[in-house]
Amino acid sequence: MFSYPKPFQGKSIHSALEKQLIQSYLLEKGYTPEDLNKMPPHRYRVLLAAASRYASLKLAEIESRSKFLNKIHFEP
């Protein structure tokens, strides 16, 4: 069974969403967990790094939108 490396097993506020974003990215690129288990380690790390960057950018976008919405709704 596919499992993420240690950095993605944390209990941060965003860890569940981060995992989902990474899975979505990988599926969008056409990779299943079984494909990742069969990949050479170098290619796996490169692909997972790209998925992590994607997830980080999406999380930053979500946080930014949230702060913006709070600002425009609660400023007089």
Protein backbone atom coordinates (compact mmCIF):
# COMPACT_ATOMS: atom_id res chain seq x y z
CA MET A 1 0.00 0.00 0.00
CA PHE A 2 1.19 3.49 -0.80
CA SER A 3 2.22 5.68 2.11
CA TYR A 4 3.65 9.16 2.28
CA PRO A 5 7.09 9.89 3.71
CA LYS A 6 7.28 11.14 7.31
CA PRO A 7 6.84 14.89 6.56
CA PHE A 8 3.27 14.28 5.39
CA GLN A 9 2.21 12.30 8.45
CA GLY A 10 2.21 15.29 10.78
CA LYS A 11 -0.81 16.53 12.65
CA SER A 12 -0.83 20.14 11.48
CA ILE A 13 -4.05 21.97 10.77
CA HIS A 14 -3.56 21.58 7.03
CA SER A 15 -2.13 18.05 6.86
CA ALA A 16 -5.35 16.34 5.73
CA LEU A 17 -5.96 18.97 3.07
CA GLU A 18 -2.32 18.81 1.99
CA LYS A 19 -2.56 15.03 1.54
CA GLN A 20 -5.72 15.45 -0.52
CA LEU A 21 -4.12 18.11 -2.72
CA ILE A 22 -1.07 15.90 -3.31
CA GLN A 23 -3.27 12.92 -4.19
CA SER A 24 -5.32 15.09 -6.55
CA TYR A 25 -2.17 16.37 -8.25
CA LEU A 26 -0.80 12.87 -8.73
CA LEU A 27 -4.10 11.53 -10.07
CA GLU A 28 -4.40 14.53 -12.39
CA LYS A 29 -0.97 13.65 -13.78
CA GLY A 30 -2.12 10.06 -14.28
CA TYR A 31 -0.31 8.36 -11.38
CA THR A 32 -1.93 5.88 -9.01
CA PRO A 33 -0.44 4.80 -5.68
CA GLU A 34 0.56 1.51 -7.32
CA ASP A 35 2.47 3.42 -10.03
CA LEU A 36 4.39 5.33 -7.37
CA ASN A 37 5.41 2.14 -5.59
CA LYS A 38 6.89 0.79 -8.83
CA MET A 39 8.83 3.97 -9.71
CA PRO A 40 12.58 4.37 -9.34
CA PRO A 41 13.39 6.34 -6.17
CA HIS A 42 14.78 9.37 -8.01
CA ARG A 43 11.72 9.78 -10.22
CA TYR A 44 9.44 9.24 -7.22
CA ARG A 45 11.19 12.02 -5.26
CA VAL A 46 11.00 14.43 -8.20
CA LEU A 47 7.29 13.76 -8.71
CA LEU A 48 6.52 14.01 -5.00
CA ALA A 49 8.48 17.28 -4.77
CA ALA A 50 6.37 18.72 -7.60
CA ALA A 51 3.19 17.53 -5.89
CA SER A 52 4.34 19.09 -2.61
CA ARG A 53 5.03 22.42 -4.31
CA TYR A 54 1.58 22.32 -5.88
CA ALA A 55 -0.04 21.57 -2.52
CA SER A 56 1.93 24.33 -0.78
CA LEU A 57 0.89 26.87 -3.38
CA LYS A 58 -2.75 25.81 -3.15
CA LEU A 59 -2.67 26.03 0.66
CA ALA A 60 -1.12 29.49 0.43
CA GLU A 61 -3.81 30.54 -2.04
CA ILE A 62 -6.57 29.28 0.24
CA GLU A 63 -5.07 31.03 3.25
CA SER A 64 -4.60 34.25 1.30
CA ARG A 65 -8.21 34.21 0.10
CA SER A 66 -9.42 33.56 3.62
CA LYS A 67 -7.45 36.50 5.02
CA PHE A 68 -8.68 38.74 2.22
CA LEU A 69 -12.30 37.78 2.81
CA ASN A 70 -11.95 38.37 6.54
CA LYS A 71 -10.41 41.75 5.85
CA ILE A 72 -13.14 42.97 3.50
CA HIS A 73 -15.96 41.61 5.66
CA PHE A 74 -14.77 42.93 9.00
CA GLU A 75 -13.20 46.29 8.16
CA PRO A 76 -15.44 49.33 8.68
